[in-house]
């Protein structure tokens, strides 16, 4: 009886560990969350200021950085490689006078 109890407990612990591992491995990576957030920001309706659900799981700093990059891209302030181009920003500012 004692061996049967130990075997049942061991099987339950192993099954729990395997289940936990499968659940953990099926979660999206942080990079996947960031990629999904970028896509959600691009699909967001004009004027919508709410944080998309796809961005849940990002730190506030990372979400703010992605949001600013998205806004700067919409304004045309990024070069072809996605880097901030201050000359484009200045041209935009001078053209709005």
PDB file of N, CA and C in Angstrom:
ATOM      1  N   UNK A   1       0.821  -1.190   0.000  1.00  0.00           N
ATOM      2  CA  UNK A   1       0.000   0.000   0.000  1.00  0.00           C
ATOM      3  C   UNK A   1       0.869   1.261   0.000  1.00  0.00           C
ATOM      4  N   UNK A   2       1.950   1.243   0.751  1.00  0.00           N
ATOM      5  CA  UNK A   2       2.828   2.398   0.844  1.00  0.00           C
ATOM      6  C   UNK A   2       3.471   2.724  -0.512  1.00  0.00           C
ATOM      7  N   UNK A   3       3.883   1.700  -1.250  1.00  0.00           N
ATOM      8  CA  UNK A   3       4.497   1.912  -2.570  1.00  0.00           C
ATOM      9  C   UNK A   3       3.478   2.455  -3.565  1.00  0.00           C
ATOM     10  N   UNK A   4       2.262   1.980  -3.485  1.00  0.00           N
ATOM     11  CA  UNK A   4       1.204   2.448  -4.387  1.00  0.00           C
ATOM     12  C   UNK A   4       0.935   3.932  -4.147  1.00  0.00           C
ATOM     13  N   UNK A   5       0.895   4.356  -2.907  1.00  0.00           N
ATOM     14  CA  UNK A   5       0.667   5.767  -2.562  1.00  0.00           C
ATOM     15  C   UNK A   5       1.806   6.637  -3.099  1.00  0.00           C
ATOM     16  N   UNK A   6       3.021   6.169  -2.921  1.00  0.00           N
ATOM     17  CA  UNK A   6       4.185   6.917  -3.422  1.00  0.00           C
ATOM     18  C   UNK A   6       4.132   7.009  -4.946  1.00  0.00           C
ATOM     19  N   UNK A   7       3.771   5.922  -5.608  1.00  0.00           N
ATOM     20  CA  UNK A   7       3.690   5.910  -7.068  1.00  0.00           C
ATOM     21  C   UNK A   7       2.611   6.868  -7.565  1.00  0.00           C
ATOM     22  N   UNK A   8       1.474   6.887  -6.894  1.00  0.00           N
ATOM     23  CA  UNK A   8       0.390   7.791  -7.295  1.00  0.00           C
ATOM     24  C   UNK A   8       0.803   9.241  -7.090  1.00  0.00           C
ATOM     25  N   UNK A   9       1.423   9.540  -5.956  1.00  0.00           N
ATOM     26  CA  UNK A   9       1.889  10.912  -5.701  1.00  0.00           C
ATOM     27  C   UNK A   9       2.964  11.329  -6.704  1.00  0.00           C
ATOM     28  N   UNK A  10       3.875  10.429  -7.010  1.00  0.00           N
ATOM     29  CA  UNK A  10       4.931  10.739  -7.977  1.00  0.00           C
ATOM     30  C   UNK A  10       4.336  10.998  -9.361  1.00  0.00           C
ATOM     31  N   UNK A  11       3.358  10.188  -9.756  1.00  0.00           N
ATOM     32  CA  UNK A  11       2.711  10.392 -11.057  1.00  0.00           C
ATOM     33  C   UNK A  11       1.975  11.729 -11.093  1.00  0.00           C
ATOM     34  N   UNK A  12       1.329  12.096  -9.988  1.00  0.00           N
ATOM     35  CA  UNK A  12       0.619  13.375  -9.938  1.00  0.00           C
ATOM     36  C   UNK A  12       1.592  14.545 -10.031  1.00  0.00           C
ATOM     37  N   UNK A  13       2.720  14.456  -9.349  1.00  0.00           N
ATOM     38  CA  UNK A  13       3.731  15.522  -9.397  1.00  0.00           C
ATOM     39  C   UNK A  13       4.314  15.639 -10.807  1.00  0.00           C
ATOM     40  N   UNK A  14       4.612  14.525 -11.431  1.00  0.00           N
ATOM     41  CA  UNK A  14       5.167  14.541 -12.790  1.00  0.00           C
ATOM     42  C   UNK A  14       4.144  15.103 -13.768  1.00  0.00           C
ATOM     43  N   UNK A  15       2.892  14.691 -13.648  1.00  0.00           N
ATOM     44  CA  UNK A  15       1.847  15.206 -14.538  1.00  0.00           C
ATOM     45  C   UNK A  15       1.677  16.707 -14.352  1.00  0.00           C
ATOM     46  N   UNK A  16       1.721  17.176 -13.121  1.00  0.00           N
ATOM     47  CA  UNK A  16       1.612  18.610 -12.857  1.00  0.00           C
ATOM     48  C   UNK A  16       2.786  19.383 -13.444  1.00  0.00           C
ATOM     49  N   UNK A  17       3.978  18.830 -13.302  1.00  0.00           N
ATOM     50  CA  UNK A  17       5.168  19.484 -13.848  1.00  0.00           C
ATOM     51  C   UNK A  17       5.112  19.550 -15.371  1.00  0.00           C
ATOM     52  N   UNK A  18       4.696  18.455 -16.001  1.00  0.00           N
ATOM     53  CA  UNK A  18       4.593  18.428 -17.462  1.00  0.00           C
ATOM     54  C   UNK A  18       3.535  19.420 -17.933  1.00  0.00           C
ATOM     55  N   UNK A  19       2.407  19.454 -17.257  1.00  0.00           N
ATOM     56  CA  UNK A  19       1.342  20.412 -17.621  1.00  0.00           C
ATOM     57  C   UNK A  19       1.831  21.852 -17.480  1.00  0.00           C
ATOM     58  N   UNK A  20       2.499  22.136 -16.386  1.00  0.00           N
ATOM     59  CA  UNK A  20       3.043  23.478 -16.182  1.00  0.00           C
ATOM     60  C   UNK A  20       4.054  23.855 -17.250  1.00  0.00           C
ATOM     61  N   UNK A  21       4.898  22.919 -17.626  1.00  0.00           N
ATOM     62  CA  UNK A  21       5.896  23.180 -18.661  1.00  0.00           C
ATOM     63  C   UNK A  21       5.240  23.448 -20.006  1.00  0.00           C
ATOM     64  N   UNK A  22       4.223  22.667 -20.352  1.00  0.00           N
ATOM     65  CA  UNK A  22       3.512  22.861 -21.616  1.00  0.00           C
ATOM     66  C   UNK A  22       2.838  24.229 -21.641  1.00  0.00           C
ATOM     67  N   UNK A  23       2.199  24.611 -20.550  1.00  0.00           N
ATOM     68  CA  UNK A  23       1.542  25.926 -20.485  1.00  0.00           C
ATOM     69  C   UNK A  23       2.573  27.037 -20.603  1.00  0.00           C
ATOM     70  N   UNK A  24       3.690  26.905 -19.901  1.00  0.00           N
ATOM     71  CA  UNK A  24       4.727  27.926 -19.937  1.00  0.00           C
ATOM     72  C   UNK A  24       5.315  28.055 -21.344  1.00  0.00           C
ATOM     73  N   UNK A  25       5.556  26.935 -22.012  1.00  0.00           N
ATOM     74  CA  UNK A  25       6.141  26.971 -23.352  1.00  0.00           C
ATOM     75  C   UNK A  25       5.170  27.495 -24.400  1.00  0.00           C
ATOM     76  N   UNK A  26       3.870  27.398 -24.135  1.00  0.00           N
ATOM     77  CA  UNK A  26       2.887  27.857 -25.125  1.00  0.00           C
ATOM     78  C   UNK A  26       2.632  29.358 -25.042  1.00  0.00           C
ATOM     79  N   UNK A  27       3.168  30.033 -24.028  1.00  0.00           N
ATOM     80  CA  UNK A  27       2.988  31.470 -23.896  1.00  0.00           C
ATOM     81  C   UNK A  27       3.850  32.194 -24.929  1.00  0.00           C
ATOM     82  N   UNK A  28       3.349  33.326 -25.455  1.00  0.00           N
ATOM     83  CA  UNK A  28       4.166  34.068 -26.426  1.00  0.00           C
ATOM     84  C   UNK A  28       5.391  34.680 -25.745  1.00  0.00           C
ATOM     85  N   UNK A  29       6.458  34.777 -26.494  1.00  0.00           N
ATOM     86  CA  UNK A  29       7.672  35.401 -25.963  1.00  0.00           C
ATOM     87  C   UNK A  29       7.460  36.911 -25.870  1.00  0.00           C
ATOM     88  N   UNK A  30       8.346  37.577 -25.174  1.00  0.00           N
ATOM     89  CA  UNK A  30       8.263  39.033 -25.037  1.00  0.00           C
ATOM     90  C   UNK A  30       8.366  39.703 -26.413  1.00  0.00           C
ATOM     91  N   UNK A  31       9.236  39.164 -27.265  1.00  0.00           N
ATOM     92  CA  UNK A  31       9.371  39.701 -28.622  1.00  0.00           C
ATOM     93  C   UNK A  31       8.089  39.519 -29.424  1.00  0.00           C
ATOM     94  N   UNK A  32       7.436  38.368 -29.239  1.00  0.00           N
ATOM     95  CA  UNK A  32       6.156  38.140 -29.919  1.00  0.00           C
ATOM     96  C   UNK A  32       5.109  39.148 -29.458  1.00  0.00           C
ATOM     97  N   UNK A  33       5.086  39.416 -28.160  1.00  0.00           N
ATOM     98  CA  UNK A  33       4.138  40.399 -27.623  1.00  0.00           C
ATOM     99  C   UNK A  33       4.422  41.771 -28.233  1.00  0.00           C
ATOM    100  N   UNK A  34       5.701  42.140 -28.320  1.00  0.00           N
ATOM    101  CA  UNK A  34       6.070  43.433 -28.903  1.00  0.00           C
ATOM    102  C   UNK A  34       5.672  43.501 -30.375  1.00  0.00           C
ATOM    103  N   UNK A  35       5.903  42.433 -31.122  1.00  0.00           N
ATOM    104  CA  UNK A  35       5.519  42.401 -32.538  1.00  0.00           C
ATOM    105  C   UNK A  35       4.005  42.524 -32.701  1.00  0.00           C
ATOM    106  N   UNK A  36       3.261  41.812 -31.854  1.00  0.00           N
ATOM    107  CA  UNK A  36       1.797  41.897 -31.903  1.00  0.00           C
ATOM    108  C   UNK A  36       1.314  43.290 -31.522  1.00  0.00           C
ATOM    109  N   UNK A  37       2.010  43.935 -30.602  1.00  0.00           N
ATOM    110  CA  UNK A  37       1.656  45.296 -30.193  1.00  0.00           C
ATOM    111  C   UNK A  37       1.865  46.272 -31.352  1.00  0.00           C
ATOM    112  N   UNK A  38       2.976  46.138 -32.051  1.00  0.00           N
ATOM    113  CA  UNK A  38       3.242  47.012 -33.204  1.00  0.00           C
ATOM    114  C   UNK A  38       2.142  46.854 -34.248  1.00  0.00           C
ATOM    115  N   UNK A  39       1.760  45.608 -34.519  1.00  0.00           N
ATOM    116  CA  UNK A  39       0.691  45.363 -35.499  1.00  0.00           C
ATOM    117  C   UNK A  39      -0.626  45.965 -35.023  1.00  0.00           C
ATOM    118  N   UNK A  40      -0.914  45.845 -33.736  1.00  0.00           N
ATOM    119  CA  UNK A  40      -2.163  46.401 -33.197  1.00  0.00           C
ATOM    120  C   UNK A  40      -2.157  47.923 -33.257  1.00  0.00           C
ATOM    121  N   UNK A  41      -1.004  48.548 -33.032  1.00  0.00           N
ATOM    122  CA  UNK A  41      -0.920  50.008 -33.124  1.00  0.00           C
ATOM    123  C   UNK A  41      -1.158  50.466 -34.564  1.00  0.00           C
ATOM    124  N   UNK A  42      -0.664  49.713 -35.528  1.00  0.00           N
ATOM    125  CA  UNK A  42      -0.855  50.066 -36.937  1.00  0.00           C
ATOM    126  C   UNK A  42      -2.317  49.922 -37.354  1.00  0.00           C
ATOM    127  N   UNK A  43      -3.018  48.962 -36.760  1.00  0.00           N
ATOM    128  CA  UNK A  43      -4.414  48.702 -37.124  1.00  0.00           C
ATOM    129  C   UNK A  43      -5.397  49.563 -36.337  1.00  0.00           C
ATOM    130  N   UNK A  44      -4.911  50.275 -35.355  1.00  0.00           N
ATOM    131  CA  UNK A  44      -5.776  51.081 -34.489  1.00  0.00           C
ATOM    132  C   UNK A  44      -6.415  52.217 -35.274  1.00  0.00           C
ATOM    133  N   UNK A  45      -7.683  52.484 -34.990  1.00  0.00           N
ATOM    134  CA  UNK A  45      -8.419  53.550 -35.678  1.00  0.00           C
ATOM    135  C   UNK A  45      -7.839  54.915 -35.328  1.00  0.00           C
ATOM    136  N   UNK A  46      -7.937  55.853 -36.273  1.00  0.00           N
ATOM    137  CA  UNK A  46      -7.460  57.210 -36.020  1.00  0.00           C
ATOM    138  C   UNK A  46      -8.187  57.796 -34.816  1.00  0.00           C
ATOM    139  N   UNK A  47      -7.437  58.435 -33.953  1.00  0.00           N
ATOM    140  CA  UNK A  47      -8.017  59.065 -32.780  1.00  0.00           C
ATOM    141  C   UNK A  47      -8.159  58.134 -31.587  1.00  0.00           C
ATOM    142  N   UNK A  48      -7.961  56.843 -31.784  1.00  0.00           N
ATOM    143  CA  UNK A  48      -8.058  55.880 -30.684  1.00  0.00           C
ATOM    144  C   UNK A  48      -6.790  55.979 -29.850  1.00  0.00           C
ATOM    145  N   UNK A  49      -6.938  56.320 -28.588  1.00  0.00           N
ATOM    146  CA  UNK A  49      -5.784  56.485 -27.702  1.00  0.00           C
ATOM    147  C   UNK A  49      -5.631  55.332 -26.716  1.00  0.00           C
ATOM    148  N   UNK A  50      -6.551  54.377 -26.743  1.00  0.00           N
ATOM    149  CA  UNK A  50      -6.515  53.267 -25.787  1.00  0.00           C
ATOM    150  C   UNK A  50      -5.362  52.321 -26.104  1.00  0.00           C
ATOM    151  N   UNK A  51      -4.785  51.771 -25.057  1.00  0.00           N
ATOM    152  CA  UNK A  51      -3.716  50.793 -25.218  1.00  0.00           C
ATOM    153  C   UNK A  51      -4.334  49.492 -25.722  1.00  0.00           C
ATOM    154  N   UNK A  52      -3.867  48.982 -26.871  1.00  0.00           N
ATOM    155  CA  UNK A  52      -4.421  47.729 -27.400  1.00  0.00           C
ATOM    156  C   UNK A  52      -4.153  46.554 -26.461  1.00  0.00           C
ATOM    157  N   UNK A  53      -5.076  45.612 -26.433  1.00  0.00           N
ATOM    158  CA  UNK A  53      -4.921  44.409 -25.592  1.00  0.00           C
ATOM    159  C   UNK A  53      -3.662  43.636 -25.975  1.00  0.00           C
ATOM    160  N   UNK A  54      -3.285  43.696 -27.247  1.00  0.00           N
ATOM    161  CA  UNK A  54      -2.093  42.974 -27.702  1.00  0.00           C
ATOM    162  C   UNK A  54      -0.824  43.497 -27.036  1.00  0.00           C
ATOM    163  N   UNK A  55      -0.895  44.692 -26.446  1.00  0.00           N
ATOM    164  CA  UNK A  55       0.276  45.285 -25.797  1.00  0.00           C
ATOM    165  C   UNK A  55       0.368  44.933 -24.321  1.00  0.00           C
ATOM    166  N   UNK A  56      -0.653  44.245 -23.788  1.00  0.00           N
ATOM    167  CA  UNK A  56      -0.589  43.804 -22.399  1.00  0.00           C
ATOM    168  C   UNK A  56       0.582  42.841 -22.256  1.00  0.00           C
ATOM    169  N   UNK A  57       1.345  43.016 -21.236  1.00  0.00           N
ATOM    170  CA  UNK A  57       2.519  42.170 -21.026  1.00  0.00           C
ATOM    171  C   UNK A  57       3.814  42.912 -21.286  1.00  0.00           C
ATOM    172  N   UNK A  58       3.733  44.069 -21.947  1.00  0.00           N
ATOM    173  CA  UNK A  58       4.924  44.903 -22.145  1.00  0.00           C
ATOM    174  C   UNK A  58       5.106  45.823 -20.951  1.00  0.00           C
ATOM    175  N   UNK A  59       6.345  46.178 -20.666  1.00  0.00           N
ATOM    176  CA  UNK A  59       6.572  47.177 -19.627  1.00  0.00           C
ATOM    177  C   UNK A  59       6.067  48.522 -20.137  1.00  0.00           C
ATOM    178  N   UNK A  60       5.790  49.425 -19.223  1.00  0.00           N
ATOM    179  CA  UNK A  60       5.317  50.747 -19.622  1.00  0.00           C
ATOM    180  C   UNK A  60       6.341  51.456 -20.499  1.00  0.00           C
ATOM    181  N   UNK A  61       7.616  51.323 -20.166  1.00  0.00           N
ATOM    182  CA  UNK A  61       8.666  51.967 -20.964  1.00  0.00           C
ATOM    183  C   UNK A  61       8.718  51.414 -22.387  1.00  0.00           C
ATOM    184  N   UNK A  62       8.591  50.105 -22.532  1.00  0.00           N
ATOM    185  CA  UNK A  62       8.630  49.504 -23.868  1.00  0.00           C
ATOM    186  C   UNK A  62       7.389  49.893 -24.677  1.00  0.00           C
ATOM    187  N   UNK A  63       6.223  49.907 -24.024  1.00  0.00           N
ATOM    188  CA  UNK A  63       5.007  50.332 -24.729  1.00  0.00           C
ATOM    189  C   UNK A  63       5.138  51.786 -25.178  1.00  0.00           C
ATOM    190  N   UNK A  64       5.631  52.652 -24.294  1.00  0.00           N
ATOM    191  CA  UNK A  64       5.812  54.058 -24.656  1.00  0.00           C
ATOM    192  C   UNK A  64       6.774  54.219 -25.824  1.00  0.00           C
ATOM    193  N   UNK A  65       7.843  53.427 -25.842  1.00  0.00           N
ATOM    194  CA  UNK A  65       8.816  53.497 -26.940  1.00  0.00           C
ATOM    195  C   UNK A  65       8.177  53.053 -28.259  1.00  0.00           C
ATOM    196  N   UNK A  66       7.397  51.965 -28.222  1.00  0.00           N
ATOM    197  CA  UNK A  66       6.723  51.514 -29.438  1.00  0.00           C
ATOM    198  C   UNK A  66       5.692  52.531 -29.908  1.00  0.00           C
ATOM    199  N   UNK A  67       4.976  53.126 -28.973  1.00  0.00           N
ATOM    200  CA  UNK A  67       3.980  54.133 -29.318  1.00  0.00           C
ATOM    201  C   UNK A  67       4.632  55.353 -29.952  1.00  0.00           C
ATOM    202  N   UNK A  68       5.723  55.831 -29.370  1.00  0.00           N
ATOM    203  CA  UNK A  68       6.426  56.997 -29.931  1.00  0.00           C
ATOM    204  C   UNK A  68       6.987  56.685 -31.316  1.00  0.00           C
ATOM    205  N   UNK A  69       7.519  55.485 -31.484  1.00  0.00           N
ATOM    206  CA  UNK A  69       8.034  55.096 -32.799  1.00  0.00           C
ATOM    207  C   UNK A  69       6.906  55.074 -33.824  1.00  0.00           C
ATOM    208  N   UNK A  70       5.762  54.566 -33.417  1.00  0.00           N
ATOM    209  CA  UNK A  70       4.601  54.531 -34.317  1.00  0.00           C
ATOM    210  C   UNK A  70       4.171  55.959 -34.685  1.00  0.00           C
ATOM    211  N   UNK A  71       4.115  56.837 -33.706  1.00  0.00           N
ATOM    212  CA  UNK A  71       3.710  58.228 -33.953  1.00  0.00           C
ATOM    213  C   UNK A  71       4.719  58.929 -34.859  1.00  0.00           C
ATOM    214  N   UNK A  72       6.010  58.741 -34.576  1.00  0.00           N
ATOM    215  CA  UNK A  72       7.032  59.384 -35.410  1.00  0.00           C
ATOM    216  C   UNK A  72       6.982  58.850 -36.837  1.00  0.00           C
ATOM    217  N   UNK A  73       6.669  57.571 -36.987  1.00  0.00           N
ATOM    218  CA  UNK A  73       6.527  57.002 -38.327  1.00  0.00           C
ATOM    219  C   UNK A  73       5.355  57.614 -39.062  1.00  0.00           C
ATOM    220  N   UNK A  74       4.228  57.803 -38.351  1.00  0.00           N
ATOM    221  CA  UNK A  74       3.060  58.440 -38.967  1.00  0.00           C
ATOM    222  C   UNK A  74       3.354  59.875 -39.384  1.00  0.00           C
ATOM    223  N   UNK A  75       4.205  60.551 -38.625  1.00  0.00           N
ATOM    224  CA  UNK A  75       4.557  61.937 -38.939  1.00  0.00           C
ATOM    225  C   UNK A  75       5.615  62.033 -40.043  1.00  0.00           C
ATOM    226  N   UNK A  76       6.216  60.893 -40.407  1.00  0.00           N
ATOM    227  CA  UNK A  76       7.240  60.895 -41.452  1.00  0.00           C
ATOM    228  C   UNK A  76       8.615  61.261 -40.935  1.00  0.00           C
ATOM    229  N   UNK A  77       8.842  61.106 -39.649  1.00  0.00           N
ATOM    230  CA  UNK A  77      10.109  61.496 -39.048  1.00  0.00           C
ATOM    231  C   UNK A  77      11.119  60.356 -38.961  1.00  0.00           C
ATOM    232  N   UNK A  78      10.819  59.218 -39.561  1.00  0.00           N
ATOM    233  CA  UNK A  78      11.751  58.093 -39.541  1.00  0.00           C
ATOM    234  C   UNK A  78      12.320  57.889 -40.932  1.00  0.00           C
ATOM    235  N   UNK A  79      13.604  57.478 -40.973  1.00  0.00           N
ATOM    236  CA  UNK A  79      14.205  57.213 -42.278  1.00  0.00           C
ATOM    237  C   UNK A  79      13.758  55.843 -42.778  1.00  0.00           C
ATOM    238  N   UNK A  80      14.328  55.417 -43.898  1.00  0.00           N
ATOM    239  CA  UNK A  80      13.923  54.155 -44.522  1.00  0.00           C
ATOM    240  C   UNK A  80      14.211  52.943 -43.646  1.00  0.00           C
ATOM    241  N   UNK A  81      15.131  53.087 -42.696  1.00  0.00           N
ATOM    242  CA  UNK A  81      15.491  51.977 -41.811  1.00  0.00           C
ATOM    243  C   UNK A  81      14.802  52.077 -40.449  1.00  0.00           C
ATOM    244  N   UNK A  82      13.877  53.026 -40.296  1.00  0.00           N
ATOM    245  CA  UNK A  82      13.122  53.150 -39.058  1.00  0.00           C
ATOM    246  C   UNK A  82      13.812  53.955 -37.979  1.00  0.00           C
ATOM    247  N   UNK A  83      14.896  54.636 -38.314  1.00  0.00           N
ATOM    248  CA  UNK A  83      15.603  55.462 -37.333  1.00  0.00           C
ATOM    249  C   UNK A  83      15.098  56.897 -37.408  1.00  0.00           C
ATOM    250  N   UNK A  84      15.101  57.570 -36.260  1.00  0.00           N
ATOM    251  CA  UNK A  84      14.658  58.955 -36.185  1.00  0.00           C
ATOM    252  C   UNK A  84      15.562  59.833 -37.043  1.00  0.00           C
ATOM    253  N   UNK A  85      14.954  60.681 -37.874  1.00  0.00           N
ATOM    254  CA  UNK A  85      15.686  61.594 -38.741  1.00  0.00           C
ATOM    255  C   UNK A  85      15.293  63.010 -38.347  1.00  0.00           C
ATOM    256  N   UNK A  86      16.177  63.682 -37.604  1.00  0.00           N
ATOM    257  CA  UNK A  86      15.832  65.012 -37.100  1.00  0.00           C
ATOM    258  C   UNK A  86      15.652  66.020 -38.234  1.00  0.00           C
ATOM    259  N   UNK A  87      16.307  65.807 -39.368  1.00  0.00           N
ATOM    260  CA  UNK A  87      16.132  66.719 -40.496  1.00  0.00           C
ATOM    261  C   UNK A  87      14.702  66.660 -41.039  1.00  0.00           C
ATOM    262  N   UNK A  88      14.130  65.467 -41.069  1.00  0.00           N
ATOM    263  CA  UNK A  88      12.729  65.343 -41.507  1.00  0.00           C
ATOM    264  C   UNK A  88      11.802  66.046 -40.531  1.00  0.00           C
ATOM    265  N   UNK A  89      12.108  65.923 -39.242  1.00  0.00           N
ATOM    266  CA  UNK A  89      11.301  66.601 -38.238  1.00  0.00           C
ATOM    267  C   UNK A  89      11.417  68.118 -38.400  1.00  0.00           C
ATOM    268  N   UNK A  90      12.644  68.595 -38.605  1.00  0.00           N
ATOM    269  CA  UNK A  90      12.851  70.037 -38.756  1.00  0.00           C
ATOM    270  C   UNK A  90      12.184  70.557 -40.019  1.00  0.00           C
ATOM    271  N   UNK A  91      12.266  69.801 -41.110  1.00  0.00           N
ATOM    272  CA  UNK A  91      11.598  70.208 -42.349  1.00  0.00           C
ATOM    273  C   UNK A  91      10.094  70.306 -42.127  1.00  0.00           C
ATOM    274  N   UNK A  92       9.548  69.334 -41.424  1.00  0.00           N
ATOM    275  CA  UNK A  92       8.135  69.333 -41.119  1.00  0.00           C
ATOM    276  C   UNK A  92       7.762  70.546 -40.262  1.00  0.00           C
ATOM    277  N   UNK A  93       8.601  70.859 -39.302  1.00  0.00           N
ATOM    278  CA  UNK A  93       8.345  72.002 -38.428  1.00  0.00           C
ATOM    279  C   UNK A  93       8.424  73.309 -39.195  1.00  0.00           C
ATOM    280  N   UNK A  94       9.416  73.432 -40.075  1.00  0.00           N
ATOM    281  CA  UNK A  94       9.571  74.664 -40.851  1.00  0.00           C
ATOM    282  C   UNK A  94       8.464  74.836 -41.873  1.00  0.00           C
ATOM    283  N   UNK A  95       7.942  73.740 -42.408  1.00  0.00           N
ATOM    284  CA  UNK A  95       6.884  73.801 -43.401  1.00  0.00           C
ATOM    285  C   UNK A  95       5.536  74.156 -42.779  1.00  0.00           C
ATOM    286  N   UNK A  96       5.417  74.001 -41.456  1.00  0.00           N
ATOM    287  CA  UNK A  96       4.136  74.294 -40.795  1.00  0.00           C
ATOM    288  C   UNK A  96       4.031  75.735 -40.316  1.00  0.00           C
ATOM    289  N   UNK A  97       5.003  76.557 -40.590  1.00  0.00           N
ATOM    290  CA  UNK A  97       4.951  77.972 -40.143  1.00  0.00           C
ATOM    291  C   UNK A  97       3.960  78.771 -40.928  1.00  0.00           C
TER     292      UNK A  97
END
